[in-house]
C-alpha atoms as a PDB file:
ATOM      1  CA  MET A   1      29.231  13.348   5.461  1.00  0.00           C
ATOM      2  CA  ARG A   2      27.974  16.518   7.068  1.00  0.00           C
ATOM      3  CA  ALA A   3      24.818  18.031   8.495  1.00  0.00           C
ATOM      4  CA  SER A   4      23.686  21.619   8.557  1.00  0.00           C
ATOM      5  CA  PRO A   5      25.359  23.202  11.650  1.00  0.00           C
ATOM      6  CA  ARG A   6      22.325  25.351  12.367  1.00  0.00           C
ATOM      7  CA  SER A   7      19.943  22.389  12.605  1.00  0.00           C
ATOM      8  CA  VAL A   8      22.027  19.829  14.495  1.00  0.00           C
ATOM      9  CA  GLY A   9      20.820  19.262  18.028  1.00  0.00           C
ATOM     10  CA  ILE A  10      17.260  20.515  17.565  1.00  0.00           C
ATOM     11  CA  LEU A  11      15.516  17.814  19.585  1.00  0.00           C
ATOM     12  CA  PRO A  12      12.018  17.711  21.038  1.00  0.00           C
ATOM     13  CA  THR A  13      12.153  18.501  24.744  1.00  0.00           C
ATOM     14  CA  SER A  14      10.461  15.174  25.525  1.00  0.00           C
ATOM     15  CA  LEU A  15      13.414  13.236  24.083  1.00  0.00           C
ATOM     16  CA  PRO A  16      16.391  13.272  26.471  1.00  0.00           C
ATOM     17  CA  SER A  17      19.803  12.894  24.815  1.00  0.00           C
ATOM     18  CA  GLU A  18      20.979  10.420  27.471  1.00  0.00           C
ATOM     19  CA  SER A  19      18.619   7.689  28.647  1.00  0.00           C
ATOM     20  CA  ASP A  20      18.122   3.969  28.877  1.00  0.00           C
ATOM     21  CA  PRO A  21      18.200   2.512  25.321  1.00  0.00           C
ATOM     22  CA  GLU A  22      14.771   0.898  25.602  1.00  0.00           C
ATOM     23  CA  GLU A  23      13.267   4.011  27.144  1.00  0.00           C
ATOM     24  CA  GLU A  24      14.802   6.105  24.401  1.00  0.00           C
ATOM     25  CA  LEU A  25      13.442   3.714  21.781  1.00  0.00           C
ATOM     26  CA  THR A  26       9.950   4.079  23.243  1.00  0.00           C
ATOM     27  CA  ASN A  27      10.204   7.882  23.348  1.00  0.00           C
ATOM     28  CA  LEU A  28      11.526   8.165  19.809  1.00  0.00           C
ATOM     29  CA  ILE A  29       8.899   5.837  18.389  1.00  0.00           C
ATOM     30  CA  ASP A  30       6.119   7.716  20.188  1.00  0.00           C
ATOM     31  CA  ALA A  31       7.443  10.992  18.754  1.00  0.00           C
ATOM     32  CA  LEU A  32       7.729   9.361  15.331  1.00  0.00           C
ATOM     33  CA  ARG A  33       4.095   8.210  15.391  1.00  0.00           C
ATOM     34  CA  ARG A  34       3.002  11.715  16.387  1.00  0.00           C
ATOM     35  CA  ALA A  35       4.971  13.274  13.507  1.00  0.00           C
ATOM     36  CA  ILE A  36       3.527  10.783  11.027  1.00  0.00           C
ATOM     37  CA  ARG A  37      -0.036  11.439  12.152  1.00  0.00           C
ATOM     38  CA  LEU A  38       0.455  15.203  12.053  1.00  0.00           C
ATOM     39  CA  LYS A  39       1.388  14.819   8.388  1.00  0.00           C
ATOM     40  CA  ASN A  40      -1.651  12.556   7.858  1.00  0.00           C
ATOM     41  CA  LEU A  41       0.355   9.700   6.378  1.00  0.00           C
ATOM     42  CA  ALA A  42      -1.226   6.313   5.770  1.00  0.00           C
ATOM     43  CA  MET A  43      -1.396   3.598   8.421  1.00  0.00           C
ATOM     44  CA  ALA A  44       0.749   1.348   6.250  1.00  0.00           C
ATOM     45  CA  THR A  45       3.402   4.071   6.022  1.00  0.00           C
ATOM     46  CA  GLU A  46       3.323   4.509   9.778  1.00  0.00           C
ATOM     47  CA  GLU A  47       3.901   0.817  10.437  1.00  0.00           C
ATOM     48  CA  THR A  48       6.699   0.651   7.840  1.00  0.00           C
ATOM     49  CA  TYR A  49       8.504   3.697   9.257  1.00  0.00           C
ATOM     50  CA  VAL A  50       8.117   2.463  12.837  1.00  0.00           C
ATOM     51  CA  ASN A  51       9.485  -0.955  11.887  1.00  0.00           C
ATOM     52  CA  TRP A  52      12.572   0.391  10.106  1.00  0.00           C
ATOM     53  CA  ASN A  53      13.366   3.041  12.703  1.00  0.00           C
ATOM     54  CA  SER A  54      13.046   0.568  15.567  1.00  0.00           C
ATOM     55  CA  ARG A  55      15.749  -1.493  13.865  1.00  0.00           C
ATOM     56  CA  PHE A  56      17.793   1.625  13.138  1.00  0.00           C
ATOM     57  CA  ILE A  57      17.691   2.851  16.741  1.00  0.00           C
ATOM     58  CA  ARG A  58      18.753  -0.562  18.072  1.00  0.00           C
ATOM     59  CA  PHE A  59      21.555  -0.664  15.465  1.00  0.00           C
ATOM     60  CA  CYS A  60      22.857   2.687  16.726  1.00  0.00           C
ATOM     61  CA  HIS A  61      23.012   1.449  20.315  1.00  0.00           C
ATOM     62  CA  LEU A  62      24.281  -2.086  19.676  1.00  0.00           C
ATOM     63  CA  GLN A  63      26.634  -1.563  16.728  1.00  0.00           C
ATOM     64  CA  LEU A  64      27.708   2.081  17.041  1.00  0.00           C
ATOM     65  CA  GLY A  65      27.470   2.403  20.824  1.00  0.00           C
ATOM     66  CA  GLN A  66      25.640   5.726  20.494  1.00  0.00           C
ATOM     67  CA  SER A  67      22.128   7.078  20.545  1.00  0.00           C
ATOM     68  CA  PRO A  68      20.660   8.203  17.181  1.00  0.00           C
ATOM     69  CA  GLN A  69      20.903  11.810  18.376  1.00  0.00           C
ATOM     70  CA  ALA A  70      24.619  11.488  19.096  1.00  0.00           C
ATOM     71  CA  ALA A  71      25.374   9.447  15.977  1.00  0.00           C
ATOM     72  CA  GLY A  72      23.508  11.841  13.708  1.00  0.00           C
ATOM     73  CA  PRO A  73      23.063  11.412   9.932  1.00  0.00           C
ATOM     74  CA  PRO A  74      26.320   9.396   9.518  1.00  0.00           C
ATOM     75  CA  ALA A  75      24.501   6.541  11.243  1.00  0.00           C
ATOM     76  CA  ILE A  76      22.137   6.357   8.260  1.00  0.00           C
ATOM     77  CA  THR A  77      25.011   5.531   5.935  1.00  0.00           C
ATOM     78  CA  ALA A  78      26.357   2.986   8.419  1.00  0.00           C
ATOM     79  CA  TYR A  79      23.009   1.233   8.632  1.00  0.00           C
ATOM     80  CA  LEU A  80      22.498   1.263   4.865  1.00  0.00           C
ATOM     81  CA  ASP A  81      25.965  -0.260   4.457  1.00  0.00           C
ATOM     82  CA  PHE A  82      24.990  -2.934   6.961  1.00  0.00           C
ATOM     83  CA  LEU A  83      21.785  -3.718   5.051  1.00  0.00           C
ATOM     84  CA  ALA A  84      23.577  -3.894   1.709  1.00  0.00           C
ATOM     85  CA  LEU A  85      26.718  -5.773   2.745  1.00  0.00           C
ATOM     86  CA  LYS A  86      25.498  -7.996   5.587  1.00  0.00           C
ATOM     87  CA  ARG A  87      21.818  -8.477   4.806  1.00  0.00           C
ATOM     88  CA  ASN A  88      22.035  -8.352   0.995  1.00  0.00           C
ATOM     89  CA  VAL A  89      18.773  -6.430   0.772  1.00  0.00           C
ATOM     90  CA  ALA A  90      17.183  -5.493  -2.550  1.00  0.00           C
ATOM     91  CA  PRO A  91      17.557  -1.935  -3.902  1.00  0.00           C
ATOM     92  CA  ALA A  92      13.898  -1.186  -3.201  1.00  0.00           C
ATOM     93  CA  THR A  93      14.297  -2.330   0.410  1.00  0.00           C
ATOM     94  CA  GLN A  94      17.342  -0.121   0.894  1.00  0.00           C
ATOM     95  CA  LYS A  95      15.447   2.860  -0.510  1.00  0.00           C
ATOM     96  CA  GLN A  96      12.494   2.171   1.802  1.00  0.00           C
ATOM     97  CA  ALA A  97      14.800   2.080   4.828  1.00  0.00           C
ATOM     98  CA  LEU A  98      16.462   5.332   3.731  1.00  0.00           C
ATOM     99  CA  ASN A  99      13.111   7.120   3.430  1.00  0.00           C
ATOM    100  CA  ALA A 100      12.086   5.932   6.895  1.00  0.00           C
ATOM    101  CA  MET A 101      15.331   7.036   8.566  1.00  0.00           C
ATOM    102  CA  ALA A 102      15.360  10.377   6.753  1.00  0.00           C
ATOM    103  CA  PHE A 103      11.853  11.053   8.080  1.00  0.00           C
ATOM    104  CA  LEU A 104      13.025  10.315  11.635  1.00  0.00           C
ATOM    105  CA  VAL A 105      16.086  12.528  11.364  1.00  0.00           C
ATOM    106  CA  ARG A 106      14.196  15.462   9.863  1.00  0.00           C
ATOM    107  CA  ASN A 107      10.916  15.347  11.760  1.00  0.00           C
ATOM    108  CA  VAL A 108      11.892  13.903  15.145  1.00  0.00           C
ATOM    109  CA  LEU A 109      15.586  14.627  15.689  1.00  0.00           C
ATOM    110  CA  GLY A 110      15.177  18.068  14.112  1.00  0.00           C
ATOM    111  CA  ILE A 111      18.077  17.862  11.625  1.00  0.00           C
ATOM    112  CA  LYS A 112      16.411  19.470   8.633  1.00  0.00           C
ATOM    113  CA  GLU A 113      19.376  19.527   6.252  1.00  0.00           C
ATOM    114  CA  PHE A 114      22.024  16.860   5.871  1.00  0.00           C
ATOM    115  CA  THR A 115      23.988  15.116   3.159  1.00  0.00           C
ATOM    116  CA  LEU A 116      25.199  11.549   2.858  1.00  0.00           C
ATOM    117  CA  ASP A 117      28.712  11.000   1.525  1.00  0.00           C
ATOM    118  CA  HIS A 118      27.853   7.680  -0.073  1.00  0.00           C
ATOM    119  CA  ILE A 119      25.269   4.955  -0.114  1.00  0.00           C
ATOM    120  CA  THR A 120      26.501   1.457  -0.839  1.00  0.00           C
ATOM    121  CA  PRO A 121      24.895   0.458  -4.140  1.00  0.00           C
ATOM    122  CA  THR A 122      23.107  -2.879  -4.128  1.00  0.00           C
ATOM    123  CA  GLY A 123      23.081  -3.170  -7.909  1.00  0.00           C
ATOM    124  CA  GLY A 124      20.449  -4.528 -10.194  1.00  0.00           C
ATOM    125  CA  ARG A 125      17.509  -2.908 -11.948  1.00  0.00           C
ATOM    126  CA  ARG A 126      13.831  -3.096 -11.144  1.00  0.00           C
ATOM    127  CA  ARG A 127      12.466  -6.531 -11.925  1.00  0.00           C
ATOM    128  CA  PRO A 128       9.738  -6.782 -14.552  1.00  0.00           C
ATOM    129  CA  PRO A 129       6.305  -7.347 -13.004  1.00  0.00           C
ATOM    130  CA  VAL A 130       4.784 -10.811 -12.836  1.00  0.00           C
ATOM    131  CA  VAL A 131       1.888 -11.006 -15.298  1.00  0.00           C
ATOM    132  CA  MET A 132      -0.644 -13.773 -15.812  1.00  0.00           C
ATOM    133  CA  THR A 133      -2.362 -14.617 -19.074  1.00  0.00           C
ATOM    134  CA  ARG A 134      -6.111 -14.199 -19.429  1.00  0.00           C
ATOM    135  CA  GLU A 135      -6.552 -17.935 -19.068  1.00  0.00           C
ATOM    136  CA  GLU A 136      -4.483 -17.969 -15.863  1.00  0.00           C
ATOM    137  CA  VAL A 137      -6.494 -15.066 -14.445  1.00  0.00           C
ATOM    138  CA  ARG A 138      -9.744 -16.903 -15.133  1.00  0.00           C
ATOM    139  CA  SER A 139      -8.352 -20.063 -13.557  1.00  0.00           C
ATOM    140  CA  VAL A 140      -7.360 -18.274 -10.340  1.00  0.00           C
ATOM    141  CA  ILE A 141     -10.720 -16.517 -10.076  1.00  0.00           C
ATOM    142  CA  ALA A 142     -12.503 -19.841 -10.581  1.00  0.00           C
ATOM    143  CA  HIS A 143     -10.776 -21.203  -7.464  1.00  0.00           C
ATOM    144  CA  LEU A 144     -11.965 -18.321  -5.262  1.00  0.00           C
ATOM    145  CA  GLU A 145     -15.221 -17.974  -3.326  1.00  0.00           C
ATOM    146  CA  ASP A 146     -17.052 -14.746  -2.554  1.00  0.00           C
ATOM    147  CA  PRO A 147     -16.280 -12.185  -1.319  1.00  0.00           C
ATOM    148  CA  TRP A 148     -12.670 -12.950  -2.292  1.00  0.00           C
ATOM    149  CA  LYS A 149     -13.710 -13.788  -5.843  1.00  0.00           C
ATOM    150  CA  LEU A 150     -15.436 -10.444  -6.349  1.00  0.00           C
ATOM    151  CA  ALA A 151     -12.466  -8.595  -4.871  1.00  0.00           C
ATOM    152  CA  ALA A 152     -10.068 -10.365  -7.247  1.00  0.00           C
ATOM    153  CA  GLN A 153     -12.331  -9.600 -10.202  1.00  0.00           C
ATOM    154  CA  LEU A 154     -12.308  -5.897  -9.300  1.00  0.00           C
ATOM    155  CA  MET A 155      -8.513  -5.837  -8.935  1.00  0.00           C
ATOM    156  CA  TYR A 156      -8.177  -7.292 -12.425  1.00  0.00           C
ATOM    157  CA  GLY A 157     -11.174  -5.632 -14.066  1.00  0.00           C
ATOM    158  CA  SER A 158     -10.438  -2.104 -12.807  1.00  0.00           C
ATOM    159  CA  GLY A 159      -6.688  -2.215 -12.067  1.00  0.00           C
ATOM    160  CA  LEU A 160      -7.082  -1.636  -8.326  1.00  0.00           C
ATOM    161  CA  ARG A 161      -4.508  -2.129  -5.607  1.00  0.00           C
ATOM    162  CA  ILE A 162      -5.487  -4.490  -2.813  1.00  0.00           C
ATOM    163  CA  MET A 163      -6.207  -1.736  -0.273  1.00  0.00           C
ATOM    164  CA  GLU A 164      -8.039   0.383  -2.843  1.00  0.00           C
ATOM    165  CA  THR A 165     -10.316  -2.608  -3.386  1.00  0.00           C
ATOM    166  CA  LEU A 166     -10.969  -3.356   0.274  1.00  0.00           C
ATOM    167  CA  ARG A 167     -11.548   0.321   1.151  1.00  0.00           C
ATOM    168  CA  LEU A 168     -14.285   0.776  -1.432  1.00  0.00           C
ATOM    169  CA  ARG A 169     -17.525   2.096   0.006  1.00  0.00           C
ATOM    170  CA  VAL A 170     -21.017   1.741  -1.441  1.00  0.00           C
ATOM    171  CA  LYS A 171     -21.066   5.367  -2.574  1.00  0.00           C
ATOM    172  CA  ASP A 172     -17.910   4.844  -4.671  1.00  0.00           C
ATOM    173  CA  LEU A 173     -19.793   2.680  -7.186  1.00  0.00           C
ATOM    174  CA  ASP A 174     -21.720   4.521  -9.903  1.00  0.00           C
ATOM    175  CA  PHE A 175     -23.701   2.021 -11.987  1.00  0.00           C
ATOM    176  CA  GLY A 176     -25.281   4.814 -14.047  1.00  0.00           C
ATOM    177  CA  GLN A 177     -21.942   6.177 -15.216  1.00  0.00           C
ATOM    178  CA  GLY A 178     -20.235   2.788 -15.123  1.00  0.00           C
ATOM    179  CA  THR A 179     -17.397   4.079 -12.939  1.00  0.00           C
ATOM    180  CA  ILE A 180     -15.660   3.479  -9.625  1.00  0.00           C
ATOM    181  CA  THR A 181     -14.168   6.415  -7.729  1.00  0.00           C
ATOM    182  CA  ILE A 182     -10.943   5.769  -5.835  1.00  0.00           C
ATOM    183  CA  HIS A 183     -10.383   8.163  -2.928  1.00  0.00           C
ATOM    184  CA  ASP A 184      -7.006   8.693  -1.272  1.00  0.00           C
ATOM    185  CA  GLY A 185      -5.104   6.136  -3.304  1.00  0.00           C
ATOM    186  CA  LYS A 186      -1.347   5.803  -3.173  1.00  0.00           C
ATOM    187  CA  GLY A 187       0.158   9.245  -2.634  1.00  0.00           C
ATOM    188  CA  GLY A 188      -3.242  10.621  -1.581  1.00  0.00           C
ATOM    189  CA  ARG A 189      -4.397  10.798  -5.201  1.00  0.00           C
ATOM    190  CA  HIS A 190      -7.970  10.372  -6.421  1.00  0.00           C
ATOM    191  CA  ARG A 191      -9.014   8.838  -9.735  1.00  0.00           C
ATOM    192  CA  VAL A 192     -11.955   7.335 -11.592  1.00  0.00           C
ATOM    193  CA  VAL A 193     -11.749   3.865 -13.149  1.00  0.00           C
ATOM    194  CA  PRO A 194     -14.268   1.871 -15.205  1.00  0.00           C
ATOM    195  CA  LEU A 195     -16.752  -0.397 -13.454  1.00  0.00           C
ATOM    196  CA  PRO A 196     -16.677  -3.632 -15.485  1.00  0.00           C
ATOM    197  CA  LYS A 197     -20.055  -4.327 -17.066  1.00  0.00           C
ATOM    198  CA  ALA A 198     -19.416  -8.037 -16.616  1.00  0.00           C
ATOM    199  CA  LEU A 199     -19.474  -7.512 -12.826  1.00  0.00           C
ATOM    200  CA  GLU A 200     -22.602  -5.368 -12.619  1.00  0.00           C
ATOM    201  CA  TYR A 201     -24.987  -8.222 -11.761  1.00  0.00           C
ATOM    202  CA  HIS A 202     -22.463  -9.749  -9.324  1.00  0.00           C
ATOM    203  CA  LEU A 203     -21.968  -6.394  -7.596  1.00  0.00           C
ATOM    204  CA  ARG A 204     -25.687  -5.642  -7.341  1.00  0.00           C
ATOM    205  CA  ASP A 205     -26.333  -9.061  -5.818  1.00  0.00           C
ATOM    206  CA  HIS A 206     -23.462  -8.569  -3.349  1.00  0.00           C
ATOM    207  CA  LEU A 207     -24.788  -5.120  -2.393  1.00  0.00           C
ATOM    208  CA  ALA A 208     -28.322  -6.434  -1.891  1.00  0.00           C
ATOM    209  CA  LYS A 209     -27.094  -9.051   0.583  1.00  0.00           C
ATOM    210  CA  ALA A 210     -24.857  -6.526   2.331  1.00  0.00           C
ATOM    211  CA  HIS A 211     -27.754  -4.068   2.607  1.00  0.00           C
ATOM    212  CA  GLN A 212     -29.919  -6.649   4.324  1.00  0.00           C
ATOM    213  CA  LYS A 213     -27.117  -7.343   6.782  1.00  0.00           C
ATOM    214  CA  HIS A 214     -26.758  -3.598   7.436  1.00  0.00           C
ATOM    215  CA  LEU A 215     -30.487  -3.252   8.152  1.00  0.00           C
ATOM    216  CA  GLN A 216     -30.226  -6.127  10.630  1.00  0.00           C
ATOM    217  CA  ASP A 217     -27.293  -4.393  12.318  1.00  0.00           C
ATOM    218  CA  LEU A 218     -29.283  -1.163  12.613  1.00  0.00           C
ATOM    219  CA  ALA A 219     -32.209  -3.047  14.155  1.00  0.00           C
ATOM    220  CA  CYS A 220     -29.811  -4.434  16.782  1.00  0.00           C
ATOM    221  CA  GLY A 221     -28.398  -0.988  17.609  1.00  0.00           C
ATOM    222  CA  ALA A 222     -25.203  -1.512  15.615  1.00  0.00           C
ATOM    223  CA  GLY A 223     -24.464  -0.566  11.996  1.00  0.00           C
ATOM    224  CA  ASP A 224     -21.632   1.887  12.578  1.00  0.00           C
ATOM    225  CA  VAL A 225     -18.690   1.918  10.170  1.00  0.00           C
ATOM    226  CA  HIS A 226     -15.213   3.366  10.592  1.00  0.00           C
ATOM    227  CA  MET A 227     -14.746   6.797   9.018  1.00  0.00           C
ATOM    228  CA  PRO A 228     -11.935   9.380   8.986  1.00  0.00           C
ATOM    229  CA  GLU A 229     -12.091  11.501  12.133  1.00  0.00           C
ATOM    230  CA  ALA A 230     -12.527  14.768  10.210  1.00  0.00           C
ATOM    231  CA  LEU A 231     -15.570  13.407   8.361  1.00  0.00           C
ATOM    232  CA  LEU A 232     -16.904  11.885  11.565  1.00  0.00           C
ATOM    233  CA  ARG A 233     -16.923  15.311  13.216  1.00  0.00           C
ATOM    234  CA  LYS A 234     -18.504  16.911  10.148  1.00  0.00           C
ATOM    235  CA  TRP A 235     -21.181  14.239   9.613  1.00  0.00           C
ATOM    236  CA  PRO A 236     -21.582  12.394  12.938  1.00  0.00           C
ATOM    237  CA  ASN A 237     -24.590  10.398  11.696  1.00  0.00           C
ATOM    238  CA  ALA A 238     -22.947   9.227   8.477  1.00  0.00           C
ATOM    239  CA  THR A 239     -21.383   6.213  10.197  1.00  0.00           C
ATOM    240  CA  ARG A 240     -24.770   4.441  10.168  1.00  0.00           C
ATOM    241  CA  GLU A 241     -25.785   5.459   6.643  1.00  0.00           C
ATOM    242  CA  TRP A 242     -25.762   2.869   3.860  1.00  0.00           C
ATOM    243  CA  PRO A 243     -23.667   4.833   1.295  1.00  0.00           C
ATOM    244  CA  TRP A 244     -20.724   4.971   3.731  1.00  0.00           C
ATOM    245  CA  GLN A 245     -20.646   1.239   4.423  1.00  0.00           C
ATOM    246  CA  TYR A 246     -17.691  -0.752   3.117  1.00  0.00           C
ATOM    247  CA  LEU A 247     -18.288  -2.851   0.015  1.00  0.00           C
ATOM    248  CA  PHE A 248     -16.271  -5.645   1.619  1.00  0.00           C
ATOM    249  CA  ALA A 249     -17.309  -5.227   5.234  1.00  0.00           C
ATOM    250  CA  SER A 250     -15.860  -7.335   8.015  1.00  0.00           C
ATOM    251  CA  ALA A 251     -18.129  -9.813   9.758  1.00  0.00           C
ATOM    252  CA  THR A 252     -17.277  -8.421  13.208  1.00  0.00           C
ATOM    253  CA  LEU A 253     -16.808  -5.073  14.906  1.00  0.00           C
ATOM    254  CA  CYS A 254     -13.279  -4.051  15.840  1.00  0.00           C
ATOM    255  CA  PRO A 255     -11.472  -1.097  17.463  1.00  0.00           C
ATOM    256  CA  HIS A 256      -9.833   1.468  15.219  1.00  0.00           C
ATOM    257  CA  PRO A 257      -6.009   1.126  15.479  1.00  0.00           C
ATOM    258  CA  ARG A 258      -5.583   4.847  16.209  1.00  0.00           C
ATOM    259  CA  THR A 259      -8.751   5.980  17.990  1.00  0.00           C
ATOM    260  CA  GLY A 260      -9.852   2.734  19.636  1.00  0.00           C
ATOM    261  CA  ARG A 261     -13.450   3.387  18.576  1.00  0.00           C
ATOM    262  CA  PHE A 262     -15.451   0.204  17.914  1.00  0.00           C
ATOM    263  CA  ALA A 263     -17.193  -0.053  14.543  1.00  0.00           C
ATOM    264  CA  ARG A 264     -17.283  -2.230  11.427  1.00  0.00           C
ATOM    265  CA  HIS A 265     -14.141  -2.221   9.301  1.00  0.00           C
ATOM    266  CA  HIS A 266     -13.370  -3.736   5.913  1.00  0.00           C
ATOM    267  CA  LEU A 267     -11.954  -7.220   5.378  1.00  0.00           C
ATOM    268  CA  HIS A 268      -8.302  -7.627   6.308  1.00  0.00           C
ATOM    269  CA  GLU A 269      -5.849  -7.594   3.433  1.00  0.00           C
ATOM    270  CA  VAL A 270      -3.961 -10.586   4.848  1.00  0.00           C
ATOM    271  CA  SER A 271      -7.090 -12.737   4.520  1.00  0.00           C
ATOM    272  CA  LEU A 272      -7.429 -11.818   0.847  1.00  0.00           C
ATOM    273  CA  GLN A 273      -3.733 -12.472   0.244  1.00  0.00           C
ATOM    274  CA  ARG A 274      -4.013 -15.933   1.792  1.00  0.00           C
ATOM    275  CA  GLN A 275      -7.081 -16.818  -0.235  1.00  0.00           C
ATOM    276  CA  PHE A 276      -5.431 -15.609  -3.420  1.00  0.00           C
ATOM    277  CA  LYS A 277      -2.232 -17.550  -2.750  1.00  0.00           C
ATOM    278  CA  ALA A 278      -4.249 -20.710  -2.166  1.00  0.00           C
ATOM    279  CA  ALA A 279      -6.154 -20.152  -5.433  1.00  0.00           C
ATOM    280  CA  VAL A 280      -2.894 -19.740  -7.376  1.00  0.00           C
ATOM    281  CA  ARG A 281      -1.648 -23.009  -5.896  1.00  0.00           C
ATOM    282  CA  LYS A 282      -4.893 -24.846  -6.752  1.00  0.00           C
ATOM    283  CA  ALA A 283      -4.745 -23.475 -10.295  1.00  0.00           C
ATOM    284  CA  ALA A 284      -1.212 -24.944 -10.610  1.00  0.00           C
ATOM    285  CA  ILE A 285       0.222 -21.686 -11.953  1.00  0.00           C
ATOM    286  CA  PRO A 286       4.045 -21.778 -11.691  1.00  0.00           C
ATOM    287  CA  LYS A 287       4.428 -18.051 -11.124  1.00  0.00           C
ATOM    288  CA  HIS A 288       5.010 -15.925  -8.041  1.00  0.00           C
ATOM    289  CA  ALA A 289       1.577 -14.375  -8.422  1.00  0.00           C
ATOM    290  CA  THR A 290       0.142 -12.111  -5.710  1.00  0.00           C
ATOM    291  CA  CYS A 291      -2.905  -9.879  -5.471  1.00  0.00           C
ATOM    292  CA  HIS A 292      -0.893  -7.100  -7.117  1.00  0.00           C
ATOM    293  CA  THR A 293      -0.340  -9.394 -10.100  1.00  0.00           C
ATOM    294  CA  MET A 294      -3.985  -8.772 -11.036  1.00  0.00           C
ATOM    295  CA  ARG A 295      -3.198  -5.062 -11.396  1.00  0.00           C
ATOM    296  CA  HIS A 296      -0.083  -5.844 -13.448  1.00  0.00           C
ATOM    297  CA  SER A 297      -2.163  -8.122 -15.672  1.00  0.00           C
ATOM    298  CA  PHE A 298      -4.817  -5.415 -16.088  1.00  0.00           C
ATOM    299  CA  ALA A 299      -2.254  -2.929 -17.418  1.00  0.00           C
ATOM    300  CA  THR A 300      -0.447  -5.429 -19.634  1.00  0.00           C
ATOM    301  CA  HIS A 301      -3.603  -6.802 -21.226  1.00  0.00           C
ATOM    302  CA  LEU A 302      -4.877  -3.287 -21.992  1.00  0.00           C
ATOM    303  CA  LEU A 303      -1.601  -2.415 -23.721  1.00  0.00           C
ATOM    304  CA  GLU A 304      -1.723  -5.665 -25.677  1.00  0.00           C
ATOM    305  CA  THR A 305      -5.128  -4.686 -27.068  1.00  0.00           C
ATOM    306  CA  GLY A 306      -3.788  -1.317 -28.253  1.00  0.00           C
ATOM    307  CA  THR A 307      -4.913   0.974 -25.418  1.00  0.00           C
ATOM    308  CA  ASP A 308      -2.906   4.203 -25.303  1.00  0.00           C
ATOM    309  CA  ILE A 309      -0.233   4.203 -22.612  1.00  0.00           C
ATOM    310  CA  ARG A 310      -1.403   7.588 -21.302  1.00  0.00           C
ATOM    311  CA  THR A 311      -4.848   6.127 -20.741  1.00  0.00           C
ATOM    312  CA  VAL A 312      -3.365   3.193 -18.866  1.00  0.00           C
ATOM    313  CA  GLN A 313      -1.279   5.615 -16.792  1.00  0.00           C
ATOM    314  CA  SER A 314      -4.420   7.526 -15.820  1.00  0.00           C
ATOM    315  CA  LEU A 315      -6.333   4.356 -14.930  1.00  0.00           C
ATOM    316  CA  LEU A 316      -3.475   3.090 -12.763  1.00  0.00           C
ATOM    317  CA  GLY A 317      -2.994   6.467 -11.060  1.00  0.00           C
ATOM    318  CA  HIS A 318       0.730   6.687 -11.865  1.00  0.00           C
ATOM    319  CA  SER A 319       2.228  10.170 -11.481  1.00  0.00           C
ATOM    320  CA  SER A 320       4.771   9.468 -14.242  1.00  0.00           C
ATOM    321  CA  VAL A 321       4.342   7.664 -17.539  1.00  0.00           C
ATOM    322  CA  GLU A 322       7.787   6.122 -16.997  1.00  0.00           C
ATOM    323  CA  THR A 323       6.291   3.950 -14.272  1.00  0.00           C
ATOM    324  CA  THR A 324       3.649   2.695 -16.677  1.00  0.00           C
ATOM    325  CA  MET A 325       6.176   2.016 -19.436  1.00  0.00           C
ATOM    326  CA  ILE A 326       7.560  -0.987 -17.552  1.00  0.00           C
ATOM    327  CA  TYR A 327       4.553  -2.947 -18.825  1.00  0.00           C
ATOM    328  CA  LEU A 328       5.749  -2.441 -22.394  1.00  0.00           C
ATOM    329  CA  HIS A 329       8.581  -4.847 -21.593  1.00  0.00           C
ATOM    330  CA  VAL A 330       6.299  -7.718 -20.649  1.00  0.00           C
ATOM    331  CA  ILE A 331       3.641  -7.635 -23.363  1.00  0.00           C
ATOM    332  CA  LYS A 332       3.617 -10.611 -25.691  1.00  0.00           C
ATOM    333  CA  ARG A 333       5.096  -8.695 -28.613  1.00  0.00           C
ATOM    334  CA  PRO A 334       7.185  -5.789 -27.268  1.00  0.00           C
ATOM    335  CA  GLY A 335       8.661  -3.067 -29.415  1.00  0.00           C
ATOM    336  CA  ALA A 336       7.603  -3.302 -33.067  1.00  0.00           C
ATOM    337  CA  GLY A 337       6.030  -6.719 -32.552  1.00  0.00           C
ATOM    338  CA  ALA A 338       9.070  -8.809 -33.481  1.00  0.00           C
ATOM    339  CA  PHE A 339       8.802 -12.596 -33.593  1.00  0.00           C
ATOM    340  CA  SER A 340      11.211 -15.140 -32.182  1.00  0.00           C
ATOM    341  CA  PRO A 341      13.541 -16.612 -34.866  1.00  0.00           C
ATOM    342  CA  LEU A 342      12.322 -20.086 -33.831  1.00  0.00           C
ATOM    343  CA  ASP A 343       8.810 -19.151 -34.982  1.00  0.00           C
ATOM    344  CA  LEU A 344       9.966 -18.151 -38.470  1.00  0.00           C
ATOM    345  CA  ASP A 345       9.884 -20.612 -41.383  1.00  0.00           C
END
């Protein structure tokens, strides 16, 4: 394993090479958060990278007896070996940890080029997604109450991820065109998906109630909603305008995790996950179904009805059709539509 000799040792001046381990951890994590925010990465990415690198830094001190700066890129291989051999982590988990540590080494420790001699393989291929039948989807939805019910219907009806659903704003719904616009989805991509006609009345009723609540907030001197800082500077009054309000707005005001500014945010994803898990249990569905299962079911059911895979790829926002092709393995009649020998006379 080797690193580029020209880039080794390029450390931010605020990060001393020799310091108390906990102080060094604090300094490195602060520098990591700054680097992440400079690159405008998502909050979820920030928390994931901070979590993995906190573990990595402690591993360097406790297991290797060195700071991450002194250990260098070889420590990445050592930690990945530890995860694979001692923790038995899944391949996807190992890859996530590698991405987090590589970001730290490149953007905080200043080692721009490095190679890893080996990465202990954890084996196994990607598991096929969990998919529910149409009847199971209807059963789960029937055990949900609004606004969780409407959110679940949108995840299934439009193929949305959980955070794409909760981050929807009023302006993203176009009833005239019958579309929903997704801004800054996974990978920062934008796309347009169909607005289910079956949900139009439900959505209009939900919006009417939310609008009344917003007018009451404005009358009380509230009514502000969280917005990206760049847009907030450009349109300072937009925070109180109806089109910018969240479709699934929280019942209370809260501080923004980065700026500390108090305003109304969207519902928390953990609340939706808990409600969905409880609905799956009440529906007595013996599958490990999560909110993301609704998106998997959306794609699979479209393919089963003959929808072109390129269309499904576009609706899901996948950058590669190979990602979408995994759903071909879980449709009821994969391949050429072969039957089971037990079903033949």
